[in-house]
Amino acid sequence: MNTPLTTHRNLVTLVQVLRKMERSSVPLDADQYRSLIAHVTAALREHPRDAALEVLLSDTPELAQLYENLNYEHAGLCRSPLEAAVRAEQAARAALAAAARKDTAGS
């Protein structure tokens, strides 16, 4: 039976494994990493949107980034500091403009 407490414990355990994998000096197997991300994603979707999740997201940048990516369609960069999000958007616009200029110059 999945209760909010077991769902939280599962997510915490998966995040610990994710953090360990991402900080490992040993090369990662891509399939193993994808499998872990799939499990973390499933656990994140099952987890209630409550204070415990907020604490976990605040304490775990890896999980917060995944959460933000999963919810981008509805919430945008909801967990990123506004300054960083604005800089990223400006850099993307500049890169697109530079690519458009190159394309026009090459034609």
Foldseek 3Di string as FASTA:
>chain_A
DDDLVVLLVQLVVLLVVLVCQVPDPDDDDPVVNVVSLVSNVVSVVVHDPDPSVVVVLVVRVVSVVSVCVVCCVPQNNPPDPPVVVVVVVVVVVVVVVVVVVVVVVVD
